N, C-alpha and C. Protein backbone atom coordinates (compact mmCIF):
# COMPACT_ATOMS: atom_id res chain seq x y z
N MET A 1 0.91 -1.10 0.06
CA MET A 1 -0.03 -0.05 0.11
C MET A 1 0.85 1.16 0.02
N ALA A 2 0.47 2.12 -0.27
CA ALA A 2 1.12 3.68 -0.49
C ALA A 2 1.66 4.29 0.82
N LYS A 3 2.68 4.97 0.84
CA LYS A 3 3.00 5.44 2.14
C LYS A 3 2.03 6.60 2.72
N ASN A 4 1.38 7.21 1.72
CA ASN A 4 0.58 8.10 2.07
C ASN A 4 -1.01 7.76 1.76
N LEU A 5 -1.68 7.09 2.65
CA LEU A 5 -3.02 6.23 2.33
C LEU A 5 -3.74 7.55 1.88
N ALA A 6 -4.01 8.60 2.39
CA ALA A 6 -5.03 9.56 1.97
C ALA A 6 -4.67 9.94 0.70
N LYS A 7 -3.60 10.29 0.18
CA LYS A 7 -3.23 10.70 -1.11
C LYS A 7 -3.52 9.57 -1.94
N TYR A 8 -3.21 8.26 -1.66
CA TYR A 8 -3.41 6.98 -2.53
C TYR A 8 -5.09 7.07 -2.70
N LEU A 9 -5.63 7.18 -1.73
CA LEU A 9 -7.17 7.13 -1.80
C LEU A 9 -7.59 8.22 -2.61
N SER A 10 -7.16 9.48 -2.45
CA SER A 10 -7.54 10.46 -3.32
C SER A 10 -7.36 10.26 -4.93
N TYR A 11 -6.22 9.77 -5.29
CA TYR A 11 -5.68 9.31 -6.55
C TYR A 11 -6.68 8.44 -7.08
N ARG A 12 -6.93 7.50 -6.27
CA ARG A 12 -7.93 6.36 -6.74
C ARG A 12 -9.18 6.81 -7.18
N GLU A 13 -9.60 7.85 -6.14
CA GLU A 13 -11.00 8.35 -6.60
C GLU A 13 -10.89 9.22 -7.73
N ALA A 14 -9.84 10.08 -7.82
CA ALA A 14 -9.84 10.82 -9.06
C ALA A 14 -9.81 10.07 -10.25
N TRP A 15 -9.03 9.13 -10.40
CA TRP A 15 -8.95 8.27 -11.64
C TRP A 15 -10.23 7.53 -11.90
N ARG A 16 -10.97 7.04 -10.79
CA ARG A 16 -12.37 6.61 -10.86
C ARG A 16 -13.38 7.53 -11.62
N ARG A 17 -13.28 8.98 -11.04
CA ARG A 17 -14.15 9.90 -11.61
C ARG A 17 -13.83 10.56 -12.89
N ILE A 18 -12.46 10.13 -13.13
CA ILE A 18 -12.07 10.55 -14.67
C ILE A 18 -12.84 9.74 -15.78
N LYS A 19 -12.73 8.35 -15.23
CA LYS A 19 -13.27 7.20 -16.07
C LYS A 19 -14.72 7.22 -16.12
N ALA A 20 -15.31 7.60 -15.03
CA ALA A 20 -16.82 7.82 -15.07
C ALA A 20 -17.35 9.11 -15.90
N ALA A 21 -16.71 10.10 -15.64
CA ALA A 21 -16.91 11.36 -16.18
C ALA A 21 -16.76 11.22 -17.73
N THR A 22 -15.66 10.70 -18.21
CA THR A 22 -15.34 10.21 -19.61
C THR A 22 -16.63 9.57 -20.32
N GLU A 23 -16.92 8.36 -19.69
CA GLU A 23 -18.03 7.73 -20.09
C GLU A 23 -19.34 8.43 -20.15
N GLY A 24 -19.56 9.49 -19.12
CA GLY A 24 -20.83 10.17 -19.10
C GLY A 24 -20.72 11.28 -20.00
N GLY A 25 -19.66 11.76 -20.47
CA GLY A 25 -19.60 12.94 -21.21
C GLY A 25 -19.35 14.15 -20.46
N PHE A 26 -18.89 14.06 -19.26
CA PHE A 26 -18.69 15.30 -18.45
C PHE A 26 -17.19 15.65 -18.70
N TYR A 27 -16.94 16.30 -19.65
CA TYR A 27 -15.64 16.61 -20.00
C TYR A 27 -14.89 17.57 -19.04
N PHE A 28 -15.79 18.72 -18.62
CA PHE A 28 -15.22 19.67 -17.75
C PHE A 28 -14.62 18.90 -16.60
N GLU A 29 -15.16 18.02 -16.06
CA GLU A 29 -14.74 17.32 -14.86
C GLU A 29 -13.39 16.56 -15.04
N VAL A 30 -13.38 15.79 -16.14
CA VAL A 30 -12.18 15.06 -16.57
C VAL A 30 -10.85 16.28 -16.59
N VAL A 31 -11.20 17.18 -17.44
CA VAL A 31 -9.98 18.27 -17.47
C VAL A 31 -9.57 18.77 -16.32
N THR A 32 -10.67 19.01 -15.38
CA THR A 32 -10.25 19.60 -14.13
C THR A 32 -9.49 18.59 -13.21
N LEU A 33 -9.91 17.47 -13.23
CA LEU A 33 -9.29 16.21 -12.29
C LEU A 33 -7.94 16.00 -12.97
N CYS A 34 -7.69 16.02 -14.18
CA CYS A 34 -6.49 15.82 -15.02
C CYS A 34 -5.34 16.90 -14.37
N GLU A 35 -5.90 18.10 -14.66
CA GLU A 35 -5.03 19.46 -14.20
C GLU A 35 -4.44 19.20 -12.68
N SER A 36 -5.51 18.86 -11.87
CA SER A 36 -5.27 18.67 -10.51
C SER A 36 -4.24 17.69 -10.36
N ILE A 37 -4.24 16.31 -10.91
CA ILE A 37 -3.29 15.34 -10.70
C ILE A 37 -1.92 15.90 -11.34
N ILE A 38 -1.83 16.59 -12.35
CA ILE A 38 -0.67 16.91 -13.11
C ILE A 38 0.04 18.07 -12.16
N SER A 39 -0.76 19.09 -11.75
CA SER A 39 -0.25 20.10 -10.75
C SER A 39 0.26 19.57 -9.42
N ASP A 40 -0.44 18.64 -9.04
CA ASP A 40 0.27 17.75 -7.69
C ASP A 40 1.52 17.22 -7.97
N ARG A 41 1.63 16.57 -9.18
CA ARG A 41 2.72 15.89 -9.34
C ARG A 41 4.02 16.77 -9.65
N LEU A 42 3.58 17.87 -10.28
CA LEU A 42 4.72 19.06 -10.69
C LEU A 42 5.22 19.69 -9.49
N LEU A 43 4.13 20.02 -8.33
CA LEU A 43 4.58 20.54 -7.19
C LEU A 43 5.31 19.63 -6.29
N SER A 44 5.06 18.46 -6.14
CA SER A 44 5.72 17.47 -5.54
C SER A 44 7.28 17.33 -6.22
N TYR A 45 7.40 17.20 -7.57
CA TYR A 45 8.78 17.23 -8.13
C TYR A 45 9.51 18.49 -7.78
N ILE A 46 8.83 19.69 -8.09
CA ILE A 46 9.55 20.80 -7.83
C ILE A 46 10.00 20.99 -6.17
N LEU A 47 9.05 20.82 -5.40
CA LEU A 47 9.53 21.00 -4.05
C LEU A 47 10.72 19.77 -3.66
N GLY A 48 10.45 18.62 -4.11
CA GLY A 48 11.57 17.66 -3.77
C GLY A 48 12.82 17.77 -4.56
N THR A 49 12.87 18.63 -5.44
CA THR A 49 14.11 18.90 -6.18
C THR A 49 14.89 20.10 -5.73
N ASN A 50 13.97 21.13 -5.70
CA ASN A 50 14.38 22.72 -5.03
C ASN A 50 13.52 23.04 -3.65
N ALA A 51 14.53 22.63 -2.53
CA ALA A 51 14.02 23.10 -1.31
C ALA A 51 13.64 24.60 -1.22
N LYS A 52 14.46 25.45 -2.12
CA LYS A 52 14.21 26.76 -1.91
C LYS A 52 13.16 27.43 -2.71
N SER A 53 12.43 26.51 -3.62
CA SER A 53 11.35 26.99 -4.45
C SER A 53 10.32 27.80 -3.65
N LYS A 54 9.63 28.67 -4.16
CA LYS A 54 8.32 29.55 -3.70
C LYS A 54 7.27 28.71 -4.12
N ALA A 55 7.33 27.70 -4.99
CA ALA A 55 6.07 27.12 -5.34
C ALA A 55 5.19 26.54 -4.14
N SER A 56 3.89 26.79 -4.19
CA SER A 56 2.92 26.26 -3.21
C SER A 56 1.59 25.75 -4.15
N LEU A 57 0.49 25.53 -3.17
CA LEU A 57 -0.53 25.16 -3.77
C LEU A 57 -1.36 26.43 -4.51
N LYS A 58 -0.76 27.43 -4.22
CA LYS A 58 -1.43 28.55 -4.76
C LYS A 58 -0.79 29.07 -6.19
N THR A 59 0.36 28.36 -6.51
CA THR A 59 0.99 28.67 -7.60
C THR A 59 0.28 28.22 -8.80
N SER A 60 0.31 29.28 -9.78
CA SER A 60 -0.59 29.00 -11.32
C SER A 60 0.14 27.69 -11.91
N PHE A 61 -0.89 26.99 -12.78
CA PHE A 61 -0.62 25.90 -13.38
C PHE A 61 0.60 26.38 -14.32
N ALA A 62 0.57 27.53 -15.14
CA ALA A 62 1.60 27.82 -16.03
C ALA A 62 2.81 28.04 -15.19
N ASP A 63 2.91 28.62 -14.06
CA ASP A 63 4.20 28.85 -13.26
C ASP A 63 4.65 27.28 -12.93
N LEU A 64 3.87 26.47 -12.52
CA LEU A 64 4.43 25.14 -12.12
C LEU A 64 5.09 24.45 -13.30
N ILE A 65 4.46 24.68 -14.27
CA ILE A 65 4.89 24.01 -15.88
C ILE A 65 6.36 24.61 -16.03
N LYS A 66 6.35 26.02 -16.08
CA LYS A 66 7.57 26.61 -16.20
C LYS A 66 8.48 26.40 -15.34
N GLU A 67 8.52 26.09 -14.04
CA GLU A 67 9.49 25.77 -13.06
C GLU A 67 9.89 24.34 -13.25
N TRP A 68 8.79 23.29 -13.48
CA TRP A 68 9.20 22.05 -13.70
C TRP A 68 10.01 21.82 -14.85
N ARG A 69 9.76 22.57 -15.77
CA ARG A 69 10.66 22.47 -17.05
C ARG A 69 11.97 22.88 -17.03
N LEU A 70 12.20 23.92 -16.16
CA LEU A 70 13.55 24.44 -15.73
C LEU A 70 14.13 23.66 -14.92
N LEU A 71 13.73 22.94 -13.94
CA LEU A 71 14.35 22.11 -13.24
C LEU A 71 14.70 20.72 -13.77
N ALA A 72 13.70 20.17 -14.51
CA ALA A 72 14.01 18.95 -14.99
C ALA A 72 14.64 18.79 -16.37
N LYS A 73 14.86 20.12 -16.80
CA LYS A 73 15.92 20.43 -18.00
C LYS A 73 15.42 19.28 -19.29
N GLY A 74 16.46 18.46 -19.66
CA GLY A 74 16.22 17.51 -20.83
C GLY A 74 15.64 16.34 -20.37
N ALA A 75 15.22 16.26 -19.11
CA ALA A 75 14.62 14.99 -18.60
C ALA A 75 13.27 14.78 -19.08
N LEU A 76 12.69 15.40 -19.81
CA LEU A 76 11.18 15.41 -20.13
C LEU A 76 10.88 14.68 -21.57
N GLN A 77 12.14 14.37 -22.31
CA GLN A 77 11.72 13.69 -23.61
C GLN A 77 11.19 12.29 -23.44
N GLN A 78 10.31 11.97 -24.11
CA GLN A 78 9.37 10.72 -24.37
C GLN A 78 10.21 9.68 -25.21
N GLN A 79 9.63 8.49 -25.09
CA GLN A 79 10.13 7.51 -26.18
C GLN A 79 9.70 7.81 -27.48
N ASP A 80 8.70 8.56 -27.86
CA ASP A 80 8.32 8.94 -29.17
C ASP A 80 8.96 10.27 -29.64
N GLY A 81 9.83 10.80 -28.63
CA GLY A 81 10.61 12.08 -29.12
C GLY A 81 10.06 13.37 -28.72
N SER A 82 8.98 13.21 -28.21
CA SER A 82 8.11 14.42 -27.81
C SER A 82 8.55 14.90 -26.44
N ASP A 83 8.28 16.09 -26.10
CA ASP A 83 8.75 16.89 -24.92
C ASP A 83 7.65 16.86 -24.00
N LEU A 84 7.66 16.03 -22.76
CA LEU A 84 6.42 15.92 -21.84
C LEU A 84 6.06 17.48 -21.43
N GLY A 85 7.08 18.31 -21.31
CA GLY A 85 6.84 19.73 -20.66
C GLY A 85 6.15 20.55 -21.58
N ALA A 86 6.62 20.44 -23.03
CA ALA A 86 5.92 21.23 -24.06
C ALA A 86 4.57 20.69 -24.28
N THR A 87 4.38 19.40 -24.07
CA THR A 87 2.95 18.83 -24.34
C THR A 87 2.02 19.33 -23.50
N VAL A 88 2.53 19.15 -22.21
CA VAL A 88 1.60 19.64 -20.91
C VAL A 88 1.27 20.95 -20.97
N ASP A 89 2.31 21.92 -21.48
CA ASP A 89 1.91 23.34 -21.62
C ASP A 89 1.00 23.78 -22.70
N GLU A 90 1.12 23.04 -23.81
CA GLU A 90 0.23 23.03 -24.85
C GLU A 90 -1.15 22.77 -24.29
N TRP A 91 -1.28 21.59 -23.80
CA TRP A 91 -2.65 21.19 -23.17
C TRP A 91 -3.13 22.26 -22.21
N ARG A 92 -2.10 22.71 -21.49
CA ARG A 92 -2.71 23.78 -20.58
C ARG A 92 -3.54 24.93 -21.34
N ILE A 93 -2.92 25.38 -22.30
CA ILE A 93 -3.63 26.45 -23.07
C ILE A 93 -4.81 25.83 -23.81
N GLU A 94 -4.81 24.72 -24.28
CA GLU A 94 -6.12 24.41 -24.66
C GLU A 94 -7.14 24.22 -23.51
N ARG A 95 -6.53 23.70 -22.31
CA ARG A 95 -7.46 23.51 -21.20
C ARG A 95 -8.20 25.03 -20.85
N ASN A 96 -7.42 25.90 -20.84
CA ASN A 96 -7.88 27.40 -20.72
C ASN A 96 -8.87 27.78 -21.78
N ALA A 97 -8.66 27.43 -22.74
CA ALA A 97 -9.83 27.71 -24.13
C ALA A 97 -11.04 26.96 -23.68
N ILE A 98 -11.00 25.61 -23.25
CA ILE A 98 -11.99 24.98 -23.20
C ILE A 98 -13.02 25.54 -21.75
N VAL A 99 -12.32 25.62 -20.81
CA VAL A 99 -12.88 26.20 -19.71
C VAL A 99 -13.65 27.43 -19.89
N HIS A 100 -13.10 28.24 -20.63
CA HIS A 100 -13.82 29.60 -21.04
C HIS A 100 -14.55 29.83 -22.28
N SER A 101 -14.66 28.87 -23.03
CA SER A 101 -15.22 29.01 -24.35
C SER A 101 -16.68 28.66 -24.46
N LEU A 102 -17.28 27.97 -23.60
CA LEU A 102 -18.64 27.56 -23.71
C LEU A 102 -19.69 28.51 -23.84
N THR A 103 -19.36 29.47 -22.84
CA THR A 103 -20.30 30.82 -22.84
C THR A 103 -19.63 32.17 -22.78
N LYS A 104 -18.27 32.17 -22.89
CA LYS A 104 -17.69 33.54 -22.90
C LYS A 104 -17.41 33.86 -24.10
N SER A 105 -17.83 35.13 -24.51
CA SER A 105 -17.38 35.71 -25.89
C SER A 105 -17.49 37.27 -25.92
N ALA A 106 -16.76 37.70 -26.84
CA ALA A 106 -16.89 39.33 -26.69
C ALA A 106 -18.32 39.73 -26.96
N PRO A 107 -18.79 40.96 -26.13
CA PRO A 107 -20.01 41.13 -26.46
C PRO A 107 -20.48 41.43 -27.94
N GLY A 108 -21.76 40.84 -28.25
CA GLY A 108 -22.29 40.77 -29.52
C GLY A 108 -21.67 39.94 -30.63
N THR A 109 -20.69 38.90 -29.93
CA THR A 109 -20.19 37.72 -30.95
C THR A 109 -20.76 36.54 -30.37
N PRO A 110 -20.98 35.51 -31.21
CA PRO A 110 -21.34 34.08 -30.88
C PRO A 110 -20.26 33.36 -30.25
N THR A 111 -20.75 32.54 -29.36
CA THR A 111 -19.91 31.59 -28.95
C THR A 111 -19.91 30.51 -30.01
N PRO A 112 -18.66 29.48 -29.92
CA PRO A 112 -18.77 28.51 -30.84
C PRO A 112 -20.19 27.58 -30.77
N PRO A 113 -20.32 26.93 -31.98
CA PRO A 113 -21.35 25.89 -31.80
C PRO A 113 -21.21 24.89 -30.60
N VAL A 114 -22.29 24.41 -29.89
CA VAL A 114 -22.27 23.71 -28.73
C VAL A 114 -21.64 22.25 -29.21
N LEU A 115 -22.10 21.67 -30.26
CA LEU A 115 -21.40 20.52 -30.55
C LEU A 115 -19.87 20.56 -31.02
N THR A 116 -19.51 21.68 -31.66
CA THR A 116 -18.21 21.97 -31.80
C THR A 116 -17.34 22.13 -30.35
N PHE A 117 -17.87 22.70 -29.66
CA PHE A 117 -17.47 22.91 -28.26
C PHE A 117 -17.08 21.49 -27.56
N ILE A 118 -18.30 20.78 -27.73
CA ILE A 118 -18.24 19.54 -26.87
C ILE A 118 -17.10 18.47 -27.61
N GLU A 119 -17.07 18.46 -28.79
CA GLU A 119 -16.04 17.63 -29.24
C GLU A 119 -14.66 18.02 -28.97
N ARG A 120 -14.45 19.35 -28.85
CA ARG A 120 -13.27 19.91 -28.38
C ARG A 120 -12.88 19.77 -27.06
N ALA A 121 -13.97 19.77 -26.25
CA ALA A 121 -13.66 19.35 -24.90
C ALA A 121 -13.34 17.92 -24.73
N LYS A 122 -14.04 17.17 -25.48
CA LYS A 122 -13.96 15.57 -25.26
C LYS A 122 -12.32 15.22 -25.79
N LYS A 123 -11.75 15.84 -26.80
CA LYS A 123 -10.51 15.71 -27.15
C LYS A 123 -9.49 16.29 -25.91
N ALA A 124 -9.66 17.31 -25.43
CA ALA A 124 -9.10 17.97 -24.28
C ALA A 124 -8.99 16.95 -23.11
N ALA A 125 -10.32 16.56 -22.80
CA ALA A 125 -10.32 15.38 -21.82
C ALA A 125 -9.46 14.28 -21.99
N GLY A 126 -9.62 13.64 -23.15
CA GLY A 126 -8.74 12.51 -23.60
C GLY A 126 -7.22 12.75 -23.47
N ASP A 127 -6.92 13.96 -24.26
CA ASP A 127 -5.54 14.30 -23.91
C ASP A 127 -4.97 14.33 -22.57
N GLY A 128 -5.87 15.22 -21.72
CA GLY A 128 -5.68 15.23 -20.39
C GLY A 128 -5.57 14.00 -19.46
N ASP A 129 -6.14 13.04 -19.85
CA ASP A 129 -6.24 11.75 -19.31
C ASP A 129 -4.67 11.26 -19.58
N LEU A 130 -4.30 11.13 -20.82
CA LEU A 130 -3.09 10.65 -21.41
C LEU A 130 -1.95 11.24 -20.38
N LEU A 131 -1.92 12.80 -20.62
CA LEU A 131 -0.82 13.45 -20.06
C LEU A 131 -0.94 13.32 -18.43
N ALA A 132 -2.03 13.22 -17.89
CA ALA A 132 -2.01 12.99 -16.22
C ALA A 132 -1.29 11.82 -16.04
N ALA A 133 -1.57 10.66 -16.71
CA ALA A 133 -0.91 9.20 -16.47
C ALA A 133 0.57 9.48 -16.75
N ALA A 134 0.87 10.17 -17.96
CA ALA A 134 2.31 10.10 -18.23
C ALA A 134 3.06 11.01 -17.29
N VAL A 135 2.39 12.04 -16.74
CA VAL A 135 3.33 12.81 -15.63
C VAL A 135 3.23 12.31 -14.23
N GLN A 136 2.23 11.38 -14.07
CA GLN A 136 2.28 10.62 -12.93
C GLN A 136 3.39 9.43 -12.93
N LYS A 137 3.43 8.97 -13.98
CA LYS A 137 4.45 7.88 -14.25
C LYS A 137 6.11 8.55 -14.41
N TRP A 138 6.01 9.71 -15.02
CA TRP A 138 7.60 10.34 -15.01
C TRP A 138 7.91 10.64 -13.67
N HIS A 139 6.78 11.09 -12.55
CA HIS A 139 7.17 11.46 -11.46
C HIS A 139 7.44 10.35 -10.61
N LYS A 140 6.97 9.07 -10.76
CA LYS A 140 7.11 7.92 -9.94
C LYS A 140 8.61 7.35 -10.34
N ARG A 141 9.08 7.83 -11.54
CA ARG A 141 10.54 7.34 -12.14
C ARG A 141 11.53 8.06 -11.25
N GLN A 142 11.08 9.71 -10.88
CA GLN A 142 11.85 10.42 -10.42
C GLN A 142 12.17 10.00 -9.03
N GLN A 143 10.98 9.68 -8.41
CA GLN A 143 10.98 9.27 -7.02
C GLN A 143 11.74 8.00 -6.91
N ALA A 144 11.80 7.17 -7.71
CA ALA A 144 12.72 5.89 -7.63
C ALA A 144 14.21 6.36 -7.65
N GLY A 145 14.47 7.37 -8.11
CA GLY A 145 15.80 7.80 -8.40
C GLY A 145 16.32 8.83 -7.33
N HIS A 146 15.45 8.93 -6.11
CA HIS A 146 15.77 10.05 -5.33
C HIS A 146 17.22 9.79 -4.55
N ARG A 147 17.60 11.08 -4.26
CA ARG A 147 19.01 10.93 -3.51
C ARG A 147 18.75 10.39 -2.02
N GLY A 148 20.00 10.43 -1.42
CA GLY A 148 20.07 9.70 0.00
C GLY A 148 19.45 10.80 0.86
N ASP A 149 19.49 12.09 0.41
CA ASP A 149 19.05 13.24 1.40
C ASP A 149 17.38 13.29 1.16
N GLY A 150 16.86 12.65 0.45
CA GLY A 150 15.44 12.62 0.60
C GLY A 150 14.75 13.28 -0.72
N ARG A 151 15.80 14.18 -1.67
CA ARG A 151 15.58 14.93 -2.61
C ARG A 151 15.65 14.25 -3.84
N MET A 152 14.71 14.49 -4.93
CA MET A 152 14.74 13.74 -6.08
C MET A 152 15.87 14.23 -7.06
N MET A 153 16.33 13.31 -7.68
CA MET A 153 17.57 13.68 -8.70
C MET A 153 16.84 14.05 -10.05
N PRO A 154 17.68 14.82 -10.80
CA PRO A 154 16.99 15.01 -12.34
C PRO A 154 17.14 13.90 -13.05
N ARG A 155 16.28 13.54 -13.75
CA ARG A 155 16.19 12.41 -14.67
C ARG A 155 17.30 12.10 -15.60
N GLU A 156 17.94 12.96 -16.00
CA GLU A 156 19.35 12.68 -16.81
C GLU A 156 20.45 11.83 -16.02
N ARG A 157 20.17 11.63 -14.90
CA ARG A 157 21.04 10.98 -14.08
C ARG A 157 20.79 9.49 -14.28
N HIS A 158 19.75 9.06 -14.70
CA HIS A 158 19.09 7.92 -14.85
C HIS A 158 19.00 7.39 -16.33
N ALA A 159 19.69 7.92 -17.12
CA ALA A 159 19.62 7.60 -18.62
C ALA A 159 19.68 6.13 -18.95
N ASP A 160 20.11 5.21 -18.29
CA ASP A 160 20.28 3.83 -18.43
C ASP A 160 19.00 3.33 -18.19
N ARG A 161 18.02 3.79 -17.77
CA ARG A 161 16.62 3.45 -17.37
C ARG A 161 15.60 3.75 -18.54
N PRO A 162 15.10 2.81 -19.14
CA PRO A 162 14.23 3.25 -20.48
C PRO A 162 12.80 4.05 -19.67
N ASN A 163 12.35 4.79 -20.56
CA ASN A 163 11.05 5.54 -20.32
C ASN A 163 10.01 4.72 -20.50
N ALA A 164 8.92 5.01 -19.53
CA ALA A 164 7.67 4.06 -19.60
C ALA A 164 6.85 4.72 -20.75
N LYS A 165 5.95 4.09 -21.38
CA LYS A 165 5.23 4.16 -22.45
C LYS A 165 4.02 5.52 -21.87
N GLN A 166 4.04 6.56 -22.67
CA GLN A 166 2.85 7.48 -22.34
C GLN A 166 1.39 6.94 -22.38
N GLY A 167 0.62 7.34 -21.59
CA GLY A 167 -0.69 6.79 -21.56
C GLY A 167 -1.03 6.10 -20.49
N CYS A 168 -2.25 5.55 -20.31
CA CYS A 168 -2.79 4.87 -19.10
C CYS A 168 -2.41 3.39 -19.30
């Protein structure tokens, strides 16, 4: 069982809800939960790698991603050649568009058609699910390589270990 039982149970419930929300077409919930998982893992990595970091629970998603990418340097390349940090940041931008585009528009201008919006939200939810799983696996690999002082080591020090496949 997990060292932090409450965290384990929270994650188990989050993944259960992601699955149920996806099946039910509740894509906002999926996107929100995926962001929560990603943010939590990034914050854990940042604080585990840099004890002097000012990152906290209130740090914006964009700032967490920026600091994570800076600290992880070249350790974010995936087996398919993509950069996990860049992919997460691109998803963050799409997530922001999804969260604000159903009803928000400039005065006098229409919002996107609802069916178009739902398809876009569905794609963002699916991408978020894959990214949350990839970040969680990446973080777990970083923890496996932690230093004797309890701080995580940058990924490049474990170049001999293969990367896990992205996705669930």
